[in-house]
Protein backbone atom coordinates (compact mmCIF):
# COMPACT_ATOMS: atom_id res chain seq x y z
CA MET A 1 9.75 -0.86 21.87
CA LYS A 2 11.31 -2.30 18.72
CA TYR A 3 9.37 -0.11 16.27
CA ARG A 4 8.42 3.41 17.35
CA LEU A 5 7.01 4.34 13.94
CA VAL A 6 4.75 1.99 11.97
CA ILE A 7 4.03 3.12 8.40
CA PHE A 8 1.36 1.44 6.30
CA ASP A 9 0.70 1.17 2.61
CA SER A 10 -3.01 1.56 1.95
CA ASP A 11 -4.41 -0.36 -1.05
CA GLY A 12 -4.06 -4.09 -0.49
CA THR A 13 -2.66 -3.59 3.01
CA LEU A 14 -5.16 -1.54 5.04
CA ALA A 15 -7.85 -1.15 2.39
CA ASP A 16 -9.66 -3.95 0.56
CA THR A 17 -9.56 -2.12 -2.77
CA LEU A 18 -7.68 -4.46 -5.10
CA PRO A 19 -10.78 -6.30 -6.39
CA TRP A 20 -12.36 -2.97 -7.36
CA MET A 21 -9.14 -1.78 -9.03
CA ARG A 22 -8.92 -4.99 -11.04
CA SER A 23 -12.59 -4.71 -12.01
CA ILE A 24 -12.12 -1.31 -13.67
CA PHE A 25 -8.69 -1.89 -15.21
CA ASN A 26 -9.95 -2.80 -18.67
CA GLU A 27 -11.97 0.44 -18.77
CA LEU A 28 -8.74 2.34 -18.18
CA ALA A 29 -6.97 0.13 -20.70
CA ALA A 30 -9.46 1.13 -23.38
CA GLU A 31 -9.17 4.81 -22.48
CA TYR A 32 -5.36 4.86 -22.45
CA ARG A 33 -4.76 2.27 -25.18
CA LEU A 34 -3.24 -0.36 -22.94
CA ARG A 35 -3.32 -4.13 -23.21
CA ARG A 36 -6.48 -5.67 -21.77
CA VAL A 37 -6.06 -8.22 -19.01
CA GLU A 38 -8.23 -11.27 -19.60
CA HIS A 39 -9.67 -13.21 -16.71
CA HIS A 40 -7.40 -16.22 -17.23
CA GLU A 41 -4.32 -13.95 -17.15
CA LYS A 42 -4.96 -12.32 -13.79
CA GLN A 43 -3.18 -14.93 -11.71
CA GLN A 44 -0.07 -15.01 -13.92
CA PHE A 45 0.15 -11.21 -13.72
CA ARG A 46 -0.32 -11.16 -9.95
CA ASN A 47 3.31 -11.64 -8.91
CA LEU A 48 5.04 -9.65 -11.61
CA GLU A 49 7.40 -6.92 -10.43
CA SER A 50 6.06 -3.45 -11.28
CA ARG A 51 8.36 -2.77 -14.23
CA ALA A 52 7.66 -6.19 -15.73
CA LEU A 53 3.92 -5.62 -15.31
CA LEU A 54 4.14 -2.23 -17.03
CA ARG A 55 5.90 -3.90 -19.97
CA GLU A 56 3.22 -6.59 -20.21
CA LEU A 57 0.49 -3.95 -20.18
CA GLY A 58 2.22 -1.77 -22.75
CA LEU A 59 2.20 1.09 -20.25
CA PRO A 60 5.22 3.42 -20.69
CA LEU A 61 6.54 5.23 -17.63
CA TRP A 62 5.57 8.65 -19.01
CA LYS A 63 1.92 7.58 -19.13
CA VAL A 64 1.81 6.06 -15.62
CA PRO A 65 0.96 9.35 -13.81
CA GLN A 66 -2.03 9.87 -16.10
CA VAL A 67 -3.38 6.37 -15.47
CA VAL A 68 -2.80 6.57 -11.71
CA ALA A 69 -4.53 9.97 -11.57
CA ALA A 70 -7.49 8.55 -13.50
CA LEU A 71 -7.69 5.63 -11.08
CA ARG A 72 -7.71 8.01 -8.10
CA ARG A 73 -10.49 10.09 -9.68
CA ARG A 74 -12.61 7.02 -10.40
CA MET A 75 -12.16 5.80 -6.84
CA ALA A 76 -13.16 9.20 -5.46
CA ALA A 77 -16.30 9.21 -7.61
CA SER A 78 -17.19 5.54 -7.10
CA ASN A 79 -20.42 4.57 -5.36
CA VAL A 80 -18.95 1.17 -4.45
CA ALA A 81 -18.54 0.81 -0.69
CA LEU A 82 -14.77 0.38 -0.33
CA ARG A 83 -13.70 -0.56 3.17
CA PRO A 84 -10.67 -1.42 5.27
CA PHE A 85 -9.93 -5.10 5.79
CA LEU A 86 -11.72 -6.71 8.71
CA GLY A 87 -9.91 -5.91 11.94
CA VAL A 88 -7.93 -2.93 10.63
CA PRO A 89 -9.68 -0.24 12.74
CA GLY A 90 -9.12 -2.17 15.96
CA MET A 91 -5.52 -2.91 15.02
CA LEU A 92 -4.79 0.78 14.38
CA GLN A 93 -6.36 1.75 17.67
CA ARG A 94 -4.39 -0.88 19.55
CA LEU A 95 -1.06 0.17 18.04
CA ALA A 96 -1.69 3.88 18.61
CA ARG A 97 -2.67 3.28 22.23
CA SER A 98 0.47 1.23 22.76
CA GLY A 99 2.54 4.32 21.94
CA ARG A 100 3.42 3.69 18.31
CA ILE A 101 3.37 6.59 15.87
CA LEU A 102 1.29 5.58 12.87
CA ALA A 103 1.59 6.89 9.32
CA VAL A 104 0.38 6.00 5.83
CA VAL A 105 2.55 6.21 2.70
CA SER A 106 0.50 5.44 -0.38
CA SER A 107 0.27 6.10 -4.10
CA ASN A 108 -3.42 6.80 -3.58
CA SER A 109 -4.69 10.24 -2.58
CA ALA A 110 -5.02 11.17 1.08
CA ALA A 111 -8.72 11.90 0.51
CA ASN A 112 -9.36 8.38 -0.84
CA VAL A 113 -7.35 6.70 1.92
CA GLN A 114 -9.11 8.66 4.66
CA ARG A 115 -12.58 8.11 3.20
CA ILE A 116 -12.05 4.35 3.03
CA LEU A 117 -10.68 4.14 6.57
CA GLY A 118 -13.52 6.27 7.90
CA ALA A 119 -13.43 9.46 9.94
CA GLU A 120 -13.67 7.62 13.25
CA HIS A 121 -10.50 5.63 12.50
CA VAL A 122 -8.36 8.25 10.74
CA ARG A 123 -7.63 9.87 14.10
CA TRP A 124 -5.30 7.01 15.04
CA ILE A 125 -2.94 7.89 12.19
CA ALA A 126 -0.62 10.83 12.81
CA HIS A 127 0.65 11.39 9.27
CA PHE A 128 -0.68 10.80 5.74
CA LEU A 129 2.04 11.05 3.09
CA CYS A 130 0.05 10.15 0.03
CA GLY A 131 0.04 10.70 -3.71
CA ALA A 132 3.42 9.04 -4.17
CA SER A 133 4.46 8.23 -7.72
CA ILE A 134 4.59 4.54 -8.55
CA PHE A 135 8.31 4.41 -7.76
CA GLY A 136 8.35 7.38 -5.36
CA LYS A 137 7.50 5.83 -2.03
CA ALA A 138 11.07 5.85 -0.71
CA ALA A 139 11.09 9.66 -0.70
CA LYS A 140 7.82 9.69 1.26
CA LEU A 141 9.25 7.19 3.75
CA ARG A 142 12.31 9.38 4.30
CA ARG A 143 10.00 12.33 4.88
CA ALA A 144 8.08 10.33 7.50
CA LEU A 145 11.36 9.73 9.32
CA ARG A 146 12.20 13.43 9.23
CA ILE A 147 8.77 14.51 10.44
CA THR A 148 8.76 12.08 13.35
CA SER A 149 12.52 12.21 14.18
CA VAL A 150 12.52 8.42 14.31
CA PRO A 151 15.70 6.63 13.13
CA PRO A 152 15.19 4.19 10.23
CA GLU A 153 15.89 1.10 12.31
CA ALA A 154 13.05 2.05 14.69
CA ALA A 155 10.51 2.27 11.87
CA LEU A 156 8.64 -0.41 9.93
CA TYR A 157 6.93 -0.06 6.55
CA ILE A 158 4.12 -2.57 6.09
CA GLY A 159 2.97 -3.34 2.55
CA ASP A 160 1.75 -5.98 0.13
CA GLU A 161 3.93 -5.42 -2.96
CA ILE A 162 7.48 -5.85 -4.17
CA ARG A 163 7.72 -2.09 -4.71
CA ASP A 164 6.85 -1.56 -1.04
CA ALA A 165 9.77 -3.78 -0.10
CA GLU A 166 12.04 -1.93 -2.54
CA ALA A 167 10.98 1.45 -1.17
CA ALA A 168 11.57 0.36 2.42
CA HIS A 169 15.02 -1.00 1.61
CA ALA A 170 15.90 2.20 -0.32
CA ALA A 171 14.92 4.29 2.70
CA GLY A 172 16.80 2.01 5.08
CA ILE A 173 13.62 0.98 6.86
CA PRO A 174 12.73 -2.62 7.78
CA PHE A 175 9.92 -4.03 5.66
CA GLY A 176 6.88 -5.83 6.98
CA ALA A 177 5.02 -7.97 4.42
CA VAL A 178 1.36 -8.97 4.55
CA ALA A 179 -0.09 -12.18 3.17
CA TRP A 180 -3.40 -10.84 1.84
CA GLY A 181 -2.49 -8.27 -0.84
CA GLN A 182 -1.12 -8.10 -4.37
CA HIS A 183 1.94 -10.34 -4.13
CA ASP A 184 1.95 -13.76 -2.50
CA GLU A 185 4.08 -14.94 0.41
CA PRO A 186 6.86 -16.73 -1.53
CA THR A 187 7.31 -13.68 -3.78
CA LEU A 188 7.49 -11.26 -0.85
CA ARG A 189 9.81 -13.48 1.19
CA ARG A 190 12.38 -13.24 -1.61
CA HIS A 191 12.65 -9.55 -0.69
CA ASN A 192 13.80 -10.24 2.86
CA PRO A 193 11.01 -8.83 5.02
CA ALA A 194 11.97 -8.16 8.61
CA GLU A 195 8.43 -9.17 9.61
CA PHE A 196 5.74 -11.26 7.95
CA PHE A 197 2.09 -10.93 8.92
CA HIS A 198 -0.43 -13.61 8.04
CA SER A 199 -3.46 -11.68 9.34
CA VAL A 200 -4.44 -8.21 10.52
CA ASP A 201 -4.60 -9.55 14.08
CA ASP A 202 -1.02 -10.76 13.63
CA ILE A 203 0.11 -7.13 13.21
CA ALA A 204 -1.48 -6.07 16.48
CA ALA A 205 -0.19 -9.12 18.33
CA LYS A 206 3.41 -8.70 17.19
CA LEU A 207 3.74 -4.93 17.36
CA SER A 208 1.60 -3.66 20.24
């Protein structure tokens, strides 16, 4: 068993929430006096590294926790039916039944992540280490290793962003990139993923 512990990011990796997040961003921009993102700019902003994106948005680091907290609250209160990507529940079940320990490390709240996954699917995930700061995922990944007593080389962190790759590398954990989230394949491949997944089914096929 190459990977005993499989850790997932949530938004953009397990959960199809990025369109909703993008749809409400300009409301948050007005509230927190940030730069609006116009429709024609969305693609050019897509592959920016997090610090570069914050600069473009005029969002200083000290204000990031406020904006992230507001986003979590809006998601918790939203009536929009946010769901996992097609195939995610079956993939989680397959990995768990194959003996992998599953965990989630996310900047979102545990309550939001669990609600989106659904109560019937949450049971496949052993640990939720959520509420990470925007650049705080590495600490959560190290905690996952401590909780599970799994060495870093036997774990895999699967995510859709450059900062997921950076967090995995900082924690000494191999990074698995997905093709359907925030950053595109060429951008993610520049960060040396140990695994690349082109579909949810690809995760189950390669890891179970």
